[in-house]
PDB file of N, CA and C in Angstrom:
ATOM      1  N   UNK A   1      88.591 191.528  26.848  1.00  0.00           N
ATOM      2  CA  UNK A   1      88.021 193.022  26.983  1.00  0.00           C
ATOM      3  C   UNK A   1      87.507 193.357  25.690  1.00  0.00           C
ATOM      4  N   UNK A   2      86.351 194.571  25.654  1.00  0.00           N
ATOM      5  CA  UNK A   2      85.904 194.934  24.371  1.00  0.00           C
ATOM      6  C   UNK A   2      86.941 195.791  23.874  1.00  0.00           C
ATOM      7  N   UNK A   3      86.650 195.820  22.216  1.00  0.00           N
ATOM      8  CA  UNK A   3      87.487 196.823  22.010  1.00  0.00           C
ATOM      9  C   UNK A   3      87.271 198.386  22.750  1.00  0.00           C
ATOM     10  N   UNK A   4      88.084 199.150  22.216  1.00  0.00           N
ATOM     11  CA  UNK A   4      88.160 200.749  22.762  1.00  0.00           C
ATOM     12  C   UNK A   4      88.266 201.694  21.729  1.00  0.00           C
ATOM     13  N   UNK A   5      87.064 202.501  22.060  1.00  0.00           N
ATOM     14  CA  UNK A   5      87.192 203.624  21.252  1.00  0.00           C
ATOM     15  C   UNK A   5      87.581 204.888  22.215  1.00  0.00           C
ATOM     16  N   UNK A   6      88.437 205.697  21.414  1.00  0.00           N
ATOM     17  CA  UNK A   6      88.648 206.837  22.162  1.00  0.00           C
ATOM     18  C   UNK A   6      87.849 208.088  21.521  1.00  0.00           C
ATOM     19  N   UNK A   7      87.218 208.792  22.517  1.00  0.00           N
ATOM     20  CA  UNK A   7      86.810 210.190  21.962  1.00  0.00           C
ATOM     21  C   UNK A   7      87.632 211.061  21.685  1.00  0.00           C
ATOM     22  N   UNK A   8      87.406 212.022  20.804  1.00  0.00           N
ATOM     23  CA  UNK A   8      88.212 213.235  20.719  1.00  0.00           C
ATOM     24  C   UNK A   8      88.725 213.933  21.643  1.00  0.00           C
ATOM     25  N   UNK A   9      87.868 214.208  22.759  1.00  0.00           N
ATOM     26  CA  UNK A   9      88.059 214.675  24.048  1.00  0.00           C
ATOM     27  C   UNK A   9      89.214 213.943  25.011  1.00  0.00           C
ATOM     28  N   UNK A  10      88.835 212.418  25.056  1.00  0.00           N
ATOM     29  CA  UNK A  10      89.847 211.824  25.597  1.00  0.00           C
ATOM     30  C   UNK A  10      91.179 211.776  25.110  1.00  0.00           C
ATOM     31  N   UNK A  11      91.407 211.595  23.581  1.00  0.00           N
ATOM     32  CA  UNK A  11      92.498 212.101  22.913  1.00  0.00           C
ATOM     33  C   UNK A  11      93.578 212.906  23.398  1.00  0.00           C
ATOM     34  N   UNK A  12      92.583 214.250  23.355  1.00  0.00           N
ATOM     35  CA  UNK A  12      93.063 215.661  23.839  1.00  0.00           C
ATOM     36  C   UNK A  12      93.724 215.624  25.299  1.00  0.00           C
ATOM     37  N   UNK A  13      92.965 214.952  26.176  1.00  0.00           N
ATOM     38  CA  UNK A  13      93.229 215.007  27.522  1.00  0.00           C
ATOM     39  C   UNK A  13      94.471 213.955  27.588  1.00  0.00           C
ATOM     40  N   UNK A  14      94.941 212.937  26.967  1.00  0.00           N
ATOM     41  CA  UNK A  14      95.923 212.115  26.844  1.00  0.00           C
ATOM     42  C   UNK A  14      97.372 212.951  26.808  1.00  0.00           C
ATOM     43  N   UNK A  15      96.782 213.838  25.328  1.00  0.00           N
ATOM     44  CA  UNK A  15      98.264 214.816  25.076  1.00  0.00           C
ATOM     45  C   UNK A  15      98.450 215.694  25.916  1.00  0.00           C
ATOM     46  N   UNK A  16      97.665 216.560  26.394  1.00  0.00           N
ATOM     47  CA  UNK A  16      97.702 217.771  27.176  1.00  0.00           C
ATOM     48  C   UNK A  16      98.208 217.217  28.732  1.00  0.00           C
ATOM     49  N   UNK A  17      97.641 215.668  29.137  1.00  0.00           N
ATOM     50  CA  UNK A  17      98.219 215.581  30.386  1.00  0.00           C
ATOM     51  C   UNK A  17      99.335 214.865  30.629  1.00  0.00           C
ATOM     52  N   UNK A  18      99.707 214.190  29.394  1.00  0.00           N
ATOM     53  CA  UNK A  18     100.859 213.542  28.981  1.00  0.00           C
ATOM     54  C   UNK A  18     100.902 212.164  29.562  1.00  0.00           C
ATOM     55  N   UNK A  19      99.686 211.296  29.356  1.00  0.00           N
ATOM     56  CA  UNK A  19      99.104 210.152  29.803  1.00  0.00           C
ATOM     57  C   UNK A  19      99.308 209.162  28.695  1.00  0.00           C
ATOM     58  N   UNK A  20      99.957 208.031  29.041  1.00  0.00           N
ATOM     59  CA  UNK A  20     100.316 206.953  27.651  1.00  0.00           C
ATOM     60  C   UNK A  20      98.898 206.120  27.658  1.00  0.00           C
ATOM     61  N   UNK A  21      98.602 205.819  26.343  1.00  0.00           N
ATOM     62  CA  UNK A  21      97.396 205.100  25.957  1.00  0.00           C
ATOM     63  C   UNK A  21      97.867 203.389  26.933  1.00  0.00           C
ATOM     64  N   UNK A  22      98.912 203.306  26.694  1.00  0.00           N
ATOM     65  CA  UNK A  22      99.370 201.877  27.587  1.00  0.00           C
ATOM     66  C   UNK A  22      98.758 201.823  28.796  1.00  0.00           C
ATOM     67  N   UNK A  23      99.173 202.994  29.738  1.00  0.00           N
ATOM     68  CA  UNK A  23      98.718 202.941  31.162  1.00  0.00           C
ATOM     69  C   UNK A  23      97.035 203.037  31.102  1.00  0.00           C
ATOM     70  N   UNK A  24      96.472 203.831  30.149  1.00  0.00           N
ATOM     71  CA  UNK A  24      94.908 203.614  30.459  1.00  0.00           C
ATOM     72  C   UNK A  24      94.401 202.507  30.039  1.00  0.00           C
ATOM     73  N   UNK A  25      94.942 201.401  28.928  1.00  0.00           N
ATOM     74  CA  UNK A  25      94.653 200.264  28.908  1.00  0.00           C
ATOM     75  C   UNK A  25      94.804 199.334  29.881  1.00  0.00           C
ATOM     76  N   UNK A  26      95.782 199.415  30.488  1.00  0.00           N
ATOM     77  CA  UNK A  26      96.321 198.623  31.385  1.00  0.00           C
ATOM     78  C   UNK A  26      95.307 198.767  32.731  1.00  0.00           C
ATOM     79  N   UNK A  27      94.643 200.054  32.861  1.00  0.00           N
ATOM     80  CA  UNK A  27      93.769 200.407  34.085  1.00  0.00           C
ATOM     81  C   UNK A  27      92.332 199.548  33.688  1.00  0.00           C
ATOM     82  N   UNK A  28      92.135 199.870  32.334  1.00  0.00           N
ATOM     83  CA  UNK A  28      90.868 199.032  31.705  1.00  0.00           C
ATOM     84  C   UNK A  28      91.122 197.513  31.889  1.00  0.00           C
ATOM     85  N   UNK A  29      91.948 197.009  31.855  1.00  0.00           N
ATOM     86  CA  UNK A  29      92.028 195.560  31.752  1.00  0.00           C
ATOM     87  C   UNK A  29      92.153 195.019  33.139  1.00  0.00           C
ATOM     88  N   UNK A  30      93.025 195.832  33.909  1.00  0.00           N
ATOM     89  CA  UNK A  30      93.320 195.440  35.575  1.00  0.00           C
ATOM     90  C   UNK A  30      92.869 196.350  36.291  1.00  0.00           C
ATOM     91  N   UNK A  31      91.929 197.104  36.561  1.00  0.00           N
ATOM     92  CA  UNK A  31      91.499 198.175  37.364  1.00  0.00           C
ATOM     93  C   UNK A  31      91.784 197.779  39.061  1.00  0.00           C
ATOM     94  N   UNK A  32      91.894 198.633  39.911  1.00  0.00           N
ATOM     95  CA  UNK A  32      91.873 198.471  41.305  1.00  0.00           C
ATOM     96  C   UNK A  32      90.326 198.593  41.861  1.00  0.00           C
ATOM     97  N   UNK A  33      89.746 199.585  41.045  1.00  0.00           N
ATOM     98  CA  UNK A  33      88.150 199.516  41.416  1.00  0.00           C
ATOM     99  C   UNK A  33      87.605 200.127  39.945  1.00  0.00           C
ATOM    100  N   UNK A  34      86.116 199.868  40.201  1.00  0.00           N
ATOM    101  CA  UNK A  34      85.172 200.449  39.071  1.00  0.00           C
ATOM    102  C   UNK A  34      84.033 200.694  39.926  1.00  0.00           C
ATOM    103  N   UNK A  35      83.754 202.171  39.379  1.00  0.00           N
ATOM    104  CA  UNK A  35      82.605 202.778  40.266  1.00  0.00           C
ATOM    105  C   UNK A  35      81.811 203.531  39.221  1.00  0.00           C
ATOM    106  N   UNK A  36      80.467 203.349  39.435  1.00  0.00           N
ATOM    107  CA  UNK A  36      79.656 204.551  38.837  1.00  0.00           C
ATOM    108  C   UNK A  36      79.911 205.727  39.036  1.00  0.00           C
ATOM    109  N   UNK A  37      79.289 206.498  38.057  1.00  0.00           N
ATOM    110  CA  UNK A  37      79.463 207.857  37.917  1.00  0.00           C
ATOM    111  C   UNK A  37      78.177 208.474  38.586  1.00  0.00           C
ATOM    112  N   UNK A  38      78.248 209.089  39.564  1.00  0.00           N
ATOM    113  CA  UNK A  38      76.861 209.450  40.313  1.00  0.00           C
ATOM    114  C   UNK A  38      76.038 210.325  39.183  1.00  0.00           C
ATOM    115  N   UNK A  39      75.078 210.093  39.062  1.00  0.00           N
ATOM    116  CA  UNK A  39      74.237 210.877  37.991  1.00  0.00           C
ATOM    117  C   UNK A  39      73.934 210.623  36.666  1.00  0.00           C
ATOM    118  N   UNK A  40      75.023 209.324  36.195  1.00  0.00           N
ATOM    119  CA  UNK A  40      75.165 209.297  34.547  1.00  0.00           C
ATOM    120  C   UNK A  40      75.171 207.747  34.783  1.00  0.00           C
ATOM    121  N   UNK A  41      73.981 207.058  34.531  1.00  0.00           N
ATOM    122  CA  UNK A  41      73.865 205.595  34.888  1.00  0.00           C
ATOM    123  C   UNK A  41      74.883 204.859  33.816  1.00  0.00           C
ATOM    124  N   UNK A  42      75.076 205.705  32.429  1.00  0.00           N
ATOM    125  CA  UNK A  42      75.832 204.993  31.193  1.00  0.00           C
ATOM    126  C   UNK A  42      77.510 205.171  31.989  1.00  0.00           C
ATOM    127  N   UNK A  43      77.646 206.019  32.524  1.00  0.00           N
ATOM    128  CA  UNK A  43      79.163 205.913  32.542  1.00  0.00           C
ATOM    129  C   UNK A  43      79.561 205.348  33.922  1.00  0.00           C
ATOM    130  N   UNK A  44      81.029 204.631  34.078  1.00  0.00           N
ATOM    131  CA  UNK A  44      81.729 204.263  35.154  1.00  0.00           C
ATOM    132  C   UNK A  44      83.310 204.805  35.182  1.00  0.00           C
ATOM    133  N   UNK A  45      83.910 204.666  36.235  1.00  0.00           N
ATOM    134  CA  UNK A  45      85.199 205.243  36.297  1.00  0.00           C
ATOM    135  C   UNK A  45      86.225 203.814  36.921  1.00  0.00           C
ATOM    136  N   UNK A  46      87.229 203.599  35.967  1.00  0.00           N
ATOM    137  CA  UNK A  46      88.019 202.556  36.089  1.00  0.00           C
ATOM    138  C   UNK A  46      89.174 203.348  36.867  1.00  0.00           C
ATOM    139  N   UNK A  47      89.629 202.851  37.813  1.00  0.00           N
ATOM    140  CA  UNK A  47      90.784 203.466  38.561  1.00  0.00           C
ATOM    141  C   UNK A  47      91.868 202.648  38.960  1.00  0.00           C
ATOM    142  N   UNK A  48      93.074 203.023  38.918  1.00  0.00           N
ATOM    143  CA  UNK A  48      94.183 202.057  39.200  1.00  0.00           C
ATOM    144  C   UNK A  48      95.482 203.109  39.929  1.00  0.00           C
ATOM    145  N   UNK A  49      95.896 202.533  40.584  1.00  0.00           N
ATOM    146  CA  UNK A  49      97.102 203.106  41.409  1.00  0.00           C
ATOM    147  C   UNK A  49      98.610 202.605  40.634  1.00  0.00           C
ATOM    148  N   UNK A  50      99.197 203.381  40.400  1.00  0.00           N
ATOM    149  CA  UNK A  50     100.521 203.176  39.493  1.00  0.00           C
ATOM    150  C   UNK A  50     101.581 204.103  39.808  1.00  0.00           C
ATOM    151  N   UNK A  51     102.628 203.529  39.325  1.00  0.00           N
ATOM    152  CA  UNK A  51     104.110 204.537  39.602  1.00  0.00           C
ATOM    153  C   UNK A  51     104.202 205.268  38.214  1.00  0.00           C
ATOM    154  N   UNK A  52     104.233 206.431  38.417  1.00  0.00           N
ATOM    155  CA  UNK A  52     104.306 207.018  36.716  1.00  0.00           C
ATOM    156  C   UNK A  52     105.750 207.333  36.679  1.00  0.00           C
ATOM    157  N   UNK A  53     106.282 206.790  35.528  1.00  0.00           N
ATOM    158  CA  UNK A  53     107.860 207.096  35.651  1.00  0.00           C
ATOM    159  C   UNK A  53     108.266 208.113  35.142  1.00  0.00           C
ATOM    160  N   UNK A  54     107.280 209.049  34.271  1.00  0.00           N
ATOM    161  CA  UNK A  54     107.633 210.337  33.786  1.00  0.00           C
ATOM    162  C   UNK A  54     107.798 211.506  34.915  1.00  0.00           C
ATOM    163  N   UNK A  55     106.734 211.090  35.873  1.00  0.00           N
ATOM    164  CA  UNK A  55     106.951 212.251  36.830  1.00  0.00           C
ATOM    165  C   UNK A  55     107.610 211.590  38.540  1.00  0.00           C
ATOM    166  N   UNK A  56     107.900 210.321  38.276  1.00  0.00           N
ATOM    167  CA  UNK A  56     108.688 209.831  39.446  1.00  0.00           C
ATOM    168  C   UNK A  56     107.624 209.937  40.667  1.00  0.00           C
ATOM    169  N   UNK A  57     106.347 209.489  40.559  1.00  0.00           N
ATOM    170  CA  UNK A  57     105.720 209.493  41.576  1.00  0.00           C
ATOM    171  C   UNK A  57     104.436 208.567  41.862  1.00  0.00           C
ATOM    172  N   UNK A  58     103.933 208.075  42.975  1.00  0.00           N
ATOM    173  CA  UNK A  58     102.793 207.252  42.676  1.00  0.00           C
ATOM    174  C   UNK A  58     101.816 208.221  42.553  1.00  0.00           C
ATOM    175  N   UNK A  59     100.715 207.457  41.565  1.00  0.00           N
ATOM    176  CA  UNK A  59      99.505 208.337  41.244  1.00  0.00           C
ATOM    177  C   UNK A  59      98.202 207.555  40.956  1.00  0.00           C
ATOM    178  N   UNK A  60      97.137 207.936  41.045  1.00  0.00           N
ATOM    179  CA  UNK A  60      96.008 207.377  40.752  1.00  0.00           C
ATOM    180  C   UNK A  60      95.630 207.759  39.059  1.00  0.00           C
ATOM    181  N   UNK A  61      95.335 206.721  38.426  1.00  0.00           N
ATOM    182  CA  UNK A  61      94.651 207.050  37.088  1.00  0.00           C
ATOM    183  C   UNK A  61      93.446 206.965  37.122  1.00  0.00           C
ATOM    184  N   UNK A  62      92.787 207.544  36.544  1.00  0.00           N
ATOM    185  CA  UNK A  62      90.844 207.753  36.168  1.00  0.00           C
ATOM    186  C   UNK A  62      90.639 207.879  34.982  1.00  0.00           C
ATOM    187  N   UNK A  63      89.852 206.480  34.470  1.00  0.00           N
ATOM    188  CA  UNK A  63      89.270 206.363  32.945  1.00  0.00           C
ATOM    189  C   UNK A  63      87.764 206.459  33.027  1.00  0.00           C
ATOM    190  N   UNK A  64      87.309 207.657  32.591  1.00  0.00           N
ATOM    191  CA  UNK A  64      85.738 207.677  32.560  1.00  0.00           C
ATOM    192  C   UNK A  64      85.369 207.057  31.436  1.00  0.00           C
ATOM    193  N   UNK A  65      84.386 206.017  31.419  1.00  0.00           N
ATOM    194  CA  UNK A  65      84.269 204.965  30.434  1.00  0.00           C
ATOM    195  C   UNK A  65      82.492 204.959  30.020  1.00  0.00           C
ATOM    196  N   UNK A  66      81.985 204.961  28.807  1.00  0.00           N
ATOM    197  CA  UNK A  66      80.633 204.674  28.464  1.00  0.00           C
ATOM    198  C   UNK A  66      80.738 203.084  28.006  1.00  0.00           C
ATOM    199  N   UNK A  67      80.319 202.306  28.653  1.00  0.00           N
ATOM    200  CA  UNK A  67      80.156 200.613  28.109  1.00  0.00           C
ATOM    201  C   UNK A  67      78.997 200.654  27.114  1.00  0.00           C
ATOM    202  N   UNK A  68      79.427 200.130  25.959  1.00  0.00           N
ATOM    203  CA  UNK A  68      78.263 199.696  24.976  1.00  0.00           C
ATOM    204  C   UNK A  68      78.338 198.118  25.022  1.00  0.00           C
ATOM    205  N   UNK A  69      77.373 197.624  24.593  1.00  0.00           N
ATOM    206  CA  UNK A  69      77.400 196.146  24.376  1.00  0.00           C
ATOM    207  C   UNK A  69      78.547 195.805  23.441  1.00  0.00           C
ATOM    208  N   UNK A  70      78.990 196.630  22.576  1.00  0.00           N
ATOM    209  CA  UNK A  70      80.074 196.259  21.615  1.00  0.00           C
ATOM    210  C   UNK A  70      81.787 197.137  21.766  1.00  0.00           C
ATOM    211  N   UNK A  71      81.683 197.695  22.771  1.00  0.00           N
ATOM    212  CA  UNK A  71      82.897 198.547  22.732  1.00  0.00           C
ATOM    213  C   UNK A  71      83.034 199.340  24.117  1.00  0.00           C
ATOM    214  N   UNK A  72      84.151 199.972  24.679  1.00  0.00           N
ATOM    215  CA  UNK A  72      84.431 200.761  25.600  1.00  0.00           C
ATOM    216  C   UNK A  72      84.590 202.103  25.206  1.00  0.00           C
ATOM    217  N   UNK A  73      84.025 203.023  25.586  1.00  0.00           N
ATOM    218  CA  UNK A  73      84.257 204.360  24.808  1.00  0.00           C
ATOM    219  C   UNK A  73      84.913 205.026  26.021  1.00  0.00           C
ATOM    220  N   UNK A  74      85.984 205.482  25.759  1.00  0.00           N
ATOM    221  CA  UNK A  74      86.913 206.317  26.867  1.00  0.00           C
ATOM    222  C   UNK A  74      86.355 207.699  26.650  1.00  0.00           C
ATOM    223  N   UNK A  75      85.678 208.550  27.605  1.00  0.00           N
ATOM    224  CA  UNK A  75      85.384 209.763  27.710  1.00  0.00           C
ATOM    225  C   UNK A  75      86.349 210.757  27.782  1.00  0.00           C
ATOM    226  N   UNK A  76      86.833 210.468  28.778  1.00  0.00           N
ATOM    227  CA  UNK A  76      88.311 211.387  29.654  1.00  0.00           C
ATOM    228  C   UNK A  76      89.043 210.671  30.397  1.00  0.00           C
ATOM    229  N   UNK A  77      90.278 211.303  30.785  1.00  0.00           N
ATOM    230  CA  UNK A  77      91.158 210.756  31.393  1.00  0.00           C
ATOM    231  C   UNK A  77      91.902 211.530  32.232  1.00  0.00           C
ATOM    232  N   UNK A  78      92.206 211.218  33.510  1.00  0.00           N
ATOM    233  CA  UNK A  78      93.251 212.314  34.513  1.00  0.00           C
ATOM    234  C   UNK A  78      93.685 211.261  35.394  1.00  0.00           C
ATOM    235  N   UNK A  79      94.740 211.937  35.812  1.00  0.00           N
ATOM    236  CA  UNK A  79      95.712 211.371  37.011  1.00  0.00           C
ATOM    237  C   UNK A  79      95.510 212.076  38.295  1.00  0.00           C
ATOM    238  N   UNK A  80      95.767 211.607  39.245  1.00  0.00           N
ATOM    239  CA  UNK A  80      95.957 212.425  40.740  1.00  0.00           C
ATOM    240  C   UNK A  80      96.978 212.144  41.454  1.00  0.00           C
ATOM    241  N   UNK A  81      97.832 212.859  42.078  1.00  0.00           N
ATOM    242  CA  UNK A  81      98.662 212.118  43.201  1.00  0.00           C
ATOM    243  C   UNK A  81      98.116 212.304  44.540  1.00  0.00           C
ATOM    244  N   UNK A  82      96.828 212.645  44.461  1.00  0.00           N
ATOM    245  CA  UNK A  82      96.038 212.814  45.909  1.00  0.00           C
ATOM    246  C   UNK A  82      95.587 211.563  46.283  1.00  0.00           C
ATOM    247  N   UNK A  83      96.392 210.417  46.619  1.00  0.00           N
ATOM    248  CA  UNK A  83      95.918 209.079  46.869  1.00  0.00           C
ATOM    249  C   UNK A  83      94.816 208.848  47.616  1.00  0.00           C
ATOM    250  N   UNK A  84      95.022 209.756  48.810  1.00  0.00           N
ATOM    251  CA  UNK A  84      94.109 209.590  50.044  1.00  0.00           C
ATOM    252  C   UNK A  84      92.771 209.811  49.125  1.00  0.00           C
ATOM    253  N   UNK A  85      92.478 211.081  48.461  1.00  0.00           N
ATOM    254  CA  UNK A  85      91.238 211.500  47.979  1.00  0.00           C
ATOM    255  C   UNK A  85      90.474 210.247  47.629  1.00  0.00           C
ATOM    256  N   UNK A  86      91.249 209.251  46.713  1.00  0.00           N
ATOM    257  CA  UNK A  86      90.275 208.424  46.017  1.00  0.00           C
ATOM    258  C   UNK A  86      90.494 206.908  47.034  1.00  0.00           C
ATOM    259  N   UNK A  87      91.218 206.950  47.794  1.00  0.00           N
ATOM    260  CA  UNK A  87      91.578 205.553  48.630  1.00  0.00           C
ATOM    261  C   UNK A  87      90.084 204.966  49.056  1.00  0.00           C
ATOM    262  N   UNK A  88      89.161 206.105  49.586  1.00  0.00           N
ATOM    263  CA  UNK A  88      87.601 205.588  50.184  1.00  0.00           C
ATOM    264  C   UNK A  88      87.172 205.052  49.149  1.00  0.00           C
ATOM    265  N   UNK A  89      87.215 205.181  47.623  1.00  0.00           N
ATOM    266  CA  UNK A  89      86.441 204.518  46.334  1.00  0.00           C
ATOM    267  C   UNK A  89      87.239 203.264  45.752  1.00  0.00           C
ATOM    268  N   UNK A  90      88.389 202.986  46.567  1.00  0.00           N
ATOM    269  CA  UNK A  90      88.942 201.517  46.183  1.00  0.00           C
ATOM    270  C   UNK A  90      87.716 200.497  46.469  1.00  0.00           C
ATOM    271  N   UNK A  91      87.745 199.492  45.452  1.00  0.00           N
ATOM    272  CA  UNK A  91      86.982 198.300  45.813  1.00  0.00           C
ATOM    273  C   UNK A  91      85.434 198.693  45.794  1.00  0.00           C
ATOM    274  N   UNK A  92      84.699 199.718  45.531  1.00  0.00           N
ATOM    275  CA  UNK A  92      83.646 199.888  45.717  1.00  0.00           C
ATOM    276  C   UNK A  92      82.951 199.321  44.458  1.00  0.00           C
TER     277      UNK A  92
END
């Protein structure tokens, strides 16, 4: 996997949403799905379903990334408990 660079915005989102760097890295290494961001050809979303130990719930972690030839730039990160909302995007 390419090196990861975290934007200041992504770091801020990790802190305020209490998401571990390790969960994001696992999502980038072994995503359930990777899909293009509509309207932005440089960005893709890596997505993975996981069990969040802090809140004791099944969640979807979504990581918005800009991939360059040398690195993956994490733009933002968020999670959702709305598994059905993102189910249709699995495997795209």
